[in-house]
Amino acid sequence: MTIRTNQKLTQEDLAGRLAAVGWNVSRDTVQRIESGQREVTDIDLRFLAKGLRVPVGEFFQ
């Protein structure tokens, strides 16, 4: 969530970016990921990194 909010993106904005890179998810899915209600796989993590335009390692800082 911090990376998204630092980029001033809404959950809807991020869902749109994710769709643009090939992962069609809803705003609700983004919300569940951020709240810890949905697990993130390694493939999900790669899509999130592409959508947020950051290296995967950024999630582990």
PDB file of N, CA and C in Angstrom:
ATOM      1  N   MET A   1       0.822  -1.193   0.000  1.00  0.00           N
ATOM      2  CA  MET A   1       0.000   0.000   0.000  1.00  0.00           C
ATOM      3  C   MET A   1       0.861   1.250   0.000  1.00  0.00           C
ATOM      4  N   THR A   2       1.955   1.281   0.712  1.00  0.00           N
ATOM      5  CA  THR A   2       2.787   2.474   0.778  1.00  0.00           C
ATOM      6  C   THR A   2       3.324   2.866  -0.589  1.00  0.00           C
ATOM      7  N   ILE A   3       3.766   1.895  -1.370  1.00  0.00           N
ATOM      8  CA  ILE A   3       4.281   2.210  -2.707  1.00  0.00           C
ATOM      9  C   ILE A   3       3.165   2.836  -3.539  1.00  0.00           C
ATOM     10  N   ARG A   4       1.986   2.248  -3.487  1.00  0.00           N
ATOM     11  CA  ARG A   4       0.850   2.776  -4.253  1.00  0.00           C
ATOM     12  C   ARG A   4       0.506   4.190  -3.797  1.00  0.00           C
ATOM     13  N   THR A   5       0.391   4.392  -2.506  1.00  0.00           N
ATOM     14  CA  THR A   5      -0.002   5.718  -2.014  1.00  0.00           C
ATOM     15  C   THR A   5       1.096   6.752  -2.238  1.00  0.00           C
ATOM     16  N   ASN A   6       2.353   6.330  -2.167  1.00  0.00           N
ATOM     17  CA  ASN A   6       3.447   7.263  -2.467  1.00  0.00           C
ATOM     18  C   ASN A   6       3.388   7.744  -3.911  1.00  0.00           C
ATOM     19  N   GLN A   7       2.873   6.895  -4.789  1.00  0.00           N
ATOM     20  CA  GLN A   7       2.715   7.270  -6.194  1.00  0.00           C
ATOM     21  C   GLN A   7       1.393   7.991  -6.448  1.00  0.00           C
ATOM     22  N   LYS A   8       0.640   8.219  -5.371  1.00  0.00           N
ATOM     23  CA  LYS A   8      -0.655   8.913  -5.450  1.00  0.00           C
ATOM     24  C   LYS A   8      -1.639   8.185  -6.376  1.00  0.00           C
ATOM     25  N   LEU A   9      -1.609   6.856  -6.302  1.00  0.00           N
ATOM     26  CA  LEU A   9      -2.528   6.033  -7.083  1.00  0.00           C
ATOM     27  C   LEU A   9      -3.666   5.563  -6.193  1.00  0.00           C
ATOM     28  N   THR A  10      -4.860   5.535  -6.742  1.00  0.00           N
ATOM     29  CA  THR A  10      -5.972   4.915  -6.034  1.00  0.00           C
ATOM     30  C   THR A  10      -5.905   3.411  -6.291  1.00  0.00           C
ATOM     31  N   GLN A  11      -6.685   2.665  -5.543  1.00  0.00           N
ATOM     32  CA  GLN A  11      -6.753   1.228  -5.796  1.00  0.00           C
ATOM     33  C   GLN A  11      -7.296   0.972  -7.203  1.00  0.00           C
ATOM     34  N   GLU A  12      -8.228   1.789  -7.639  1.00  0.00           N
ATOM     35  CA  GLU A  12      -8.780   1.663  -8.998  1.00  0.00           C
ATOM     36  C   GLU A  12      -7.699   1.944 -10.047  1.00  0.00           C
ATOM     37  N   ASP A  13      -6.871   2.975  -9.805  1.00  0.00           N
ATOM     38  CA  ASP A  13      -5.759   3.278 -10.717  1.00  0.00           C
ATOM     39  C   ASP A  13      -4.823   2.082 -10.846  1.00  0.00           C
ATOM     40  N   LEU A  14      -4.483   1.491  -9.696  1.00  0.00           N
ATOM     41  CA  LEU A  14      -3.570   0.344  -9.723  1.00  0.00           C
ATOM     42  C   LEU A  14      -4.201  -0.831 -10.449  1.00  0.00           C
ATOM     43  N   ALA A  15      -5.481  -1.080 -10.215  1.00  0.00           N
ATOM     44  CA  ALA A  15      -6.161  -2.167 -10.926  1.00  0.00           C
ATOM     45  C   ALA A  15      -6.086  -1.937 -12.435  1.00  0.00           C
ATOM     46  N   GLY A  16      -6.225  -0.692 -12.869  1.00  0.00           N
ATOM     47  CA  GLY A  16      -6.107  -0.366 -14.293  1.00  0.00           C
ATOM     48  C   GLY A  16      -4.712  -0.610 -14.825  1.00  0.00           C
ATOM     49  N   ARG A  17      -3.701  -0.218 -14.057  1.00  0.00           N
ATOM     50  CA  ARG A  17      -2.322  -0.471 -14.475  1.00  0.00           C
ATOM     51  C   ARG A  17      -2.040  -1.964 -14.562  1.00  0.00           C
ATOM     52  N   LEU A  18      -2.567  -2.702 -13.588  1.00  0.00           N
ATOM     53  CA  LEU A  18      -2.356  -4.150 -13.596  1.00  0.00           C
ATOM     54  C   LEU A  18      -3.016  -4.792 -14.810  1.00  0.00           C
ATOM     55  N   ALA A  19      -4.185  -4.329 -15.166  1.00  0.00           N
ATOM     56  CA  ALA A  19      -4.849  -4.835 -16.370  1.00  0.00           C
ATOM     57  C   ALA A  19      -4.002  -4.535 -17.604  1.00  0.00           C
ATOM     58  N   ALA A  20      -3.386  -3.357 -17.624  1.00  0.00           N
ATOM     59  CA  ALA A  20      -2.570  -2.963 -18.772  1.00  0.00           C
ATOM     60  C   ALA A  20      -1.334  -3.851 -18.944  1.00  0.00           C
ATOM     61  N   VAL A  21      -0.847  -4.438 -17.829  1.00  0.00           N
ATOM     62  CA  VAL A  21       0.326  -5.311 -17.935  1.00  0.00           C
ATOM     63  C   VAL A  21      -0.076  -6.785 -17.978  1.00  0.00           C
ATOM     64  N   GLY A  22      -1.378  -7.066 -18.068  1.00  0.00           N
ATOM     65  CA  GLY A  22      -1.826  -8.429 -18.302  1.00  0.00           C
ATOM     66  C   GLY A  22      -2.462  -9.158 -17.131  1.00  0.00           C
ATOM     67  N   TRP A  23      -2.692  -8.460 -16.016  1.00  0.00           N
ATOM     68  CA  TRP A  23      -3.321  -9.110 -14.854  1.00  0.00           C
ATOM     69  C   TRP A  23      -4.623  -8.391 -14.567  1.00  0.00           C
ATOM     70  N   ASN A  24      -5.717  -8.974 -14.994  1.00  0.00           N
ATOM     71  CA  ASN A  24      -7.024  -8.340 -14.877  1.00  0.00           C
ATOM     72  C   ASN A  24      -7.606  -8.598 -13.487  1.00  0.00           C
ATOM     73  N   VAL A  25      -7.425  -7.635 -12.584  1.00  0.00           N
ATOM     74  CA  VAL A  25      -7.952  -7.730 -11.222  1.00  0.00           C
ATOM     75  C   VAL A  25      -8.827  -6.515 -10.944  1.00  0.00           C
ATOM     76  N   SER A  26      -9.690  -6.649  -9.963  1.00  0.00           N
ATOM     77  CA  SER A  26     -10.581  -5.556  -9.592  1.00  0.00           C
ATOM     78  C   SER A  26      -9.975  -4.712  -8.467  1.00  0.00           C
ATOM     79  N   ARG A  27     -10.602  -3.587  -8.216  1.00  0.00           N
ATOM     80  CA  ARG A  27     -10.205  -2.753  -7.091  1.00  0.00           C
ATOM     81  C   ARG A  27     -10.362  -3.536  -5.792  1.00  0.00           C
ATOM     82  N   ASP A  28     -11.396  -4.360  -5.709  1.00  0.00           N
ATOM     83  CA  ASP A  28     -11.612  -5.179  -4.516  1.00  0.00           C
ATOM     84  C   ASP A  28     -10.457  -6.146  -4.278  1.00  0.00           C
ATOM     85  N   THR A  29      -9.909  -6.709  -5.342  1.00  0.00           N
ATOM     86  CA  THR A  29      -8.768  -7.611  -5.208  1.00  0.00           C
ATOM     87  C   THR A  29      -7.556  -6.849  -4.690  1.00  0.00           C
ATOM     88  N   VAL A  30      -7.331  -5.652  -5.214  1.00  0.00           N
ATOM     89  CA  VAL A  30      -6.226  -4.816  -4.728  1.00  0.00           C
ATOM     90  C   VAL A  30      -6.418  -4.543  -3.238  1.00  0.00           C
ATOM     91  N   GLN A  31      -7.630  -4.238  -2.832  1.00  0.00           N
ATOM     92  CA  GLN A  31      -7.917  -3.955  -1.425  1.00  0.00           C
ATOM     93  C   GLN A  31      -7.645  -5.185  -0.557  1.00  0.00           C
ATOM     94  N   ARG A  32      -8.032  -6.363  -1.032  1.00  0.00           N
ATOM     95  CA  ARG A  32      -7.811  -7.590  -0.256  1.00  0.00           C
ATOM     96  C   ARG A  32      -6.315  -7.914  -0.144  1.00  0.00           C
ATOM     97  N   ILE A  33      -5.560  -7.633  -1.187  1.00  0.00           N
ATOM     98  CA  ILE A  33      -4.108  -7.825  -1.129  1.00  0.00           C
ATOM     99  C   ILE A  33      -3.514  -6.893  -0.086  1.00  0.00           C
ATOM    100  N   GLU A  34      -3.894  -5.624  -0.144  1.00  0.00           N
ATOM    101  CA  GLU A  34      -3.338  -4.642   0.786  1.00  0.00           C
ATOM    102  C   GLU A  34      -3.711  -4.918   2.233  1.00  0.00           C
ATOM    103  N   SER A  35      -4.888  -5.480   2.457  1.00  0.00           N
ATOM    104  CA  SER A  35      -5.330  -5.743   3.830  1.00  0.00           C
ATOM    105  C   SER A  35      -4.864  -7.106   4.342  1.00  0.00           C
ATOM    106  N   GLY A  36      -4.191  -7.886   3.482  1.00  0.00           N
ATOM    107  CA  GLY A  36      -3.695  -9.187   3.893  1.00  0.00           C
ATOM    108  C   GLY A  36      -4.732 -10.294   3.824  1.00  0.00           C
ATOM    109  N   GLN A  37      -5.877 -10.012   3.213  1.00  0.00           N
ATOM    110  CA  GLN A  37      -6.921 -11.017   3.093  1.00  0.00           C
ATOM    111  C   GLN A  37      -6.714 -11.935   1.896  1.00  0.00           C
ATOM    112  N   ARG A  38      -5.785 -11.574   1.017  1.00  0.00           N
ATOM    113  CA  ARG A  38      -5.489 -12.402  -0.163  1.00  0.00           C
ATOM    114  C   ARG A  38      -3.995 -12.600  -0.238  1.00  0.00           C
ATOM    115  N   GLU A  39      -3.602 -13.853  -0.378  1.00  0.00           N
ATOM    116  CA  GLU A  39      -2.182 -14.152  -0.531  1.00  0.00           C
ATOM    117  C   GLU A  39      -1.690 -13.698  -1.894  1.00  0.00           C
ATOM    118  N   VAL A  40      -0.414 -13.377  -1.944  1.00  0.00           N
ATOM    119  CA  VAL A  40       0.217 -12.940  -3.190  1.00  0.00           C
ATOM    120  C   VAL A  40       1.230 -13.998  -3.598  1.00  0.00           C
ATOM    121  N   THR A  41       1.067 -14.530  -4.786  1.00  0.00           N
ATOM    122  CA  THR A  41       2.016 -15.526  -5.302  1.00  0.00           C
ATOM    123  C   THR A  41       3.212 -14.808  -5.920  1.00  0.00           C
ATOM    124  N   ASP A  42       4.206 -15.582  -6.282  1.00  0.00           N
ATOM    125  CA  ASP A  42       5.372 -14.996  -6.941  1.00  0.00           C
ATOM    126  C   ASP A  42       4.989 -14.352  -8.262  1.00  0.00           C
ATOM    127  N   ILE A  43       4.062 -14.932  -8.979  1.00  0.00           N
ATOM    128  CA  ILE A  43       3.625 -14.360 -10.257  1.00  0.00           C
ATOM    129  C   ILE A  43       2.852 -13.060 -10.008  1.00  0.00           C
ATOM    130  N   ASP A  44       1.986 -13.067  -8.981  1.00  0.00           N
ATOM    131  CA  ASP A  44       1.261 -11.842  -8.617  1.00  0.00           C
ATOM    132  C   ASP A  44       2.251 -10.724  -8.310  1.00  0.00           C
ATOM    133  N   LEU A  45       3.298 -11.068  -7.579  1.00  0.00           N
ATOM    134  CA  LEU A  45       4.296 -10.079  -7.178  1.00  0.00           C
ATOM    135  C   LEU A  45       4.966  -9.452  -8.396  1.00  0.00           C
ATOM    136  N   ARG A  46       5.233 -10.255  -9.403  1.00  0.00           N
ATOM    137  CA  ARG A  46       5.845  -9.707 -10.625  1.00  0.00           C
ATOM    138  C   ARG A  46       4.896  -8.747 -11.329  1.00  0.00           C
ATOM    139  N   PHE A  47       3.595  -9.106 -11.384  1.00  0.00           N
ATOM    140  CA  PHE A  47       2.622  -8.196 -11.984  1.00  0.00           C
ATOM    141  C   PHE A  47       2.510  -6.910 -11.167  1.00  0.00           C
ATOM    142  N   LEU A  48       2.476  -7.033  -9.843  1.00  0.00           N
ATOM    143  CA  LEU A  48       2.396  -5.836  -8.996  1.00  0.00           C
ATOM    144  C   LEU A  48       3.595  -4.919  -9.235  1.00  0.00           C
ATOM    145  N   ALA A  49       4.777  -5.503  -9.324  1.00  0.00           N
ATOM    146  CA  ALA A  49       5.980  -4.703  -9.580  1.00  0.00           C
ATOM    147  C   ALA A  49       5.879  -3.987 -10.925  1.00  0.00           C
ATOM    148  N   LYS A  50       5.422  -4.703 -11.954  1.00  0.00           N
ATOM    149  CA  LYS A  50       5.265  -4.071 -13.271  1.00  0.00           C
ATOM    150  C   LYS A  50       4.228  -2.952 -13.219  1.00  0.00           C
ATOM    151  N   GLY A  51       3.102  -3.221 -12.560  1.00  0.00           N
ATOM    152  CA  GLY A  51       2.044  -2.220 -12.480  1.00  0.00           C
ATOM    153  C   GLY A  51       2.457  -0.985 -11.704  1.00  0.00           C
ATOM    154  N   LEU A  52       3.260  -1.194 -10.669  1.00  0.00           N
ATOM    155  CA  LEU A  52       3.728  -0.065  -9.857  1.00  0.00           C
ATOM    156  C   LEU A  52       5.018   0.544 -10.395  1.00  0.00           C
ATOM    157  N   ARG A  53       5.599  -0.129 -11.402  1.00  0.00           N
ATOM    158  CA  ARG A  53       6.830   0.345 -12.056  1.00  0.00           C
ATOM    159  C   ARG A  53       8.007   0.441 -11.080  1.00  0.00           C
ATOM    160  N   VAL A  54       8.132  -0.637 -10.304  1.00  0.00           N
ATOM    161  CA  VAL A  54       9.239  -0.731  -9.340  1.00  0.00           C
ATOM    162  C   VAL A  54       9.864  -2.120  -9.469  1.00  0.00           C
ATOM    163  N   PRO A  55      11.117  -2.298  -9.039  1.00  0.00           N
ATOM    164  CA  PRO A  55      11.692  -3.648  -9.020  1.00  0.00           C
ATOM    165  C   PRO A  55      11.020  -4.489  -7.927  1.00  0.00           C
ATOM    166  N   VAL A  56      10.983  -5.799  -8.127  1.00  0.00           N
ATOM    167  CA  VAL A  56      10.369  -6.701  -7.155  1.00  0.00           C
ATOM    168  C   VAL A  56      11.002  -6.513  -5.770  1.00  0.00           C
ATOM    169  N   GLY A  57      12.285  -6.277  -5.726  1.00  0.00           N
ATOM    170  CA  GLY A  57      12.982  -6.094  -4.458  1.00  0.00           C
ATOM    171  C   GLY A  57      12.439  -4.961  -3.612  1.00  0.00           C
ATOM    172  N   GLU A  58      11.734  -4.033  -4.221  1.00  0.00           N
ATOM    173  CA  GLU A  58      11.147  -2.894  -3.504  1.00  0.00           C
ATOM    174  C   GLU A  58      10.149  -3.359  -2.439  1.00  0.00           C
ATOM    175  N   PHE A  59       9.550  -4.512  -2.647  1.00  0.00           N
ATOM    176  CA  PHE A  59       8.561  -5.024  -1.686  1.00  0.00           C
ATOM    177  C   PHE A  59       9.224  -5.600  -0.436  1.00  0.00           C
ATOM    178  N   PHE A  60      10.525  -5.797  -0.468  1.00  0.00           N
ATOM    179  CA  PHE A  60      11.212  -6.451   0.636  1.00  0.00           C
ATOM    180  C   PHE A  60      12.141  -5.513   1.394  1.00  0.00           C
ATOM    181  N   GLN A  61      11.914  -4.229   1.300  1.00  0.00           N
ATOM    182  CA  GLN A  61      12.761  -3.251   1.969  1.00  0.00           C
ATOM    183  C   GLN A  61      12.337  -3.043   3.406  1.00  0.00           C
TER     184      GLN A  61
END
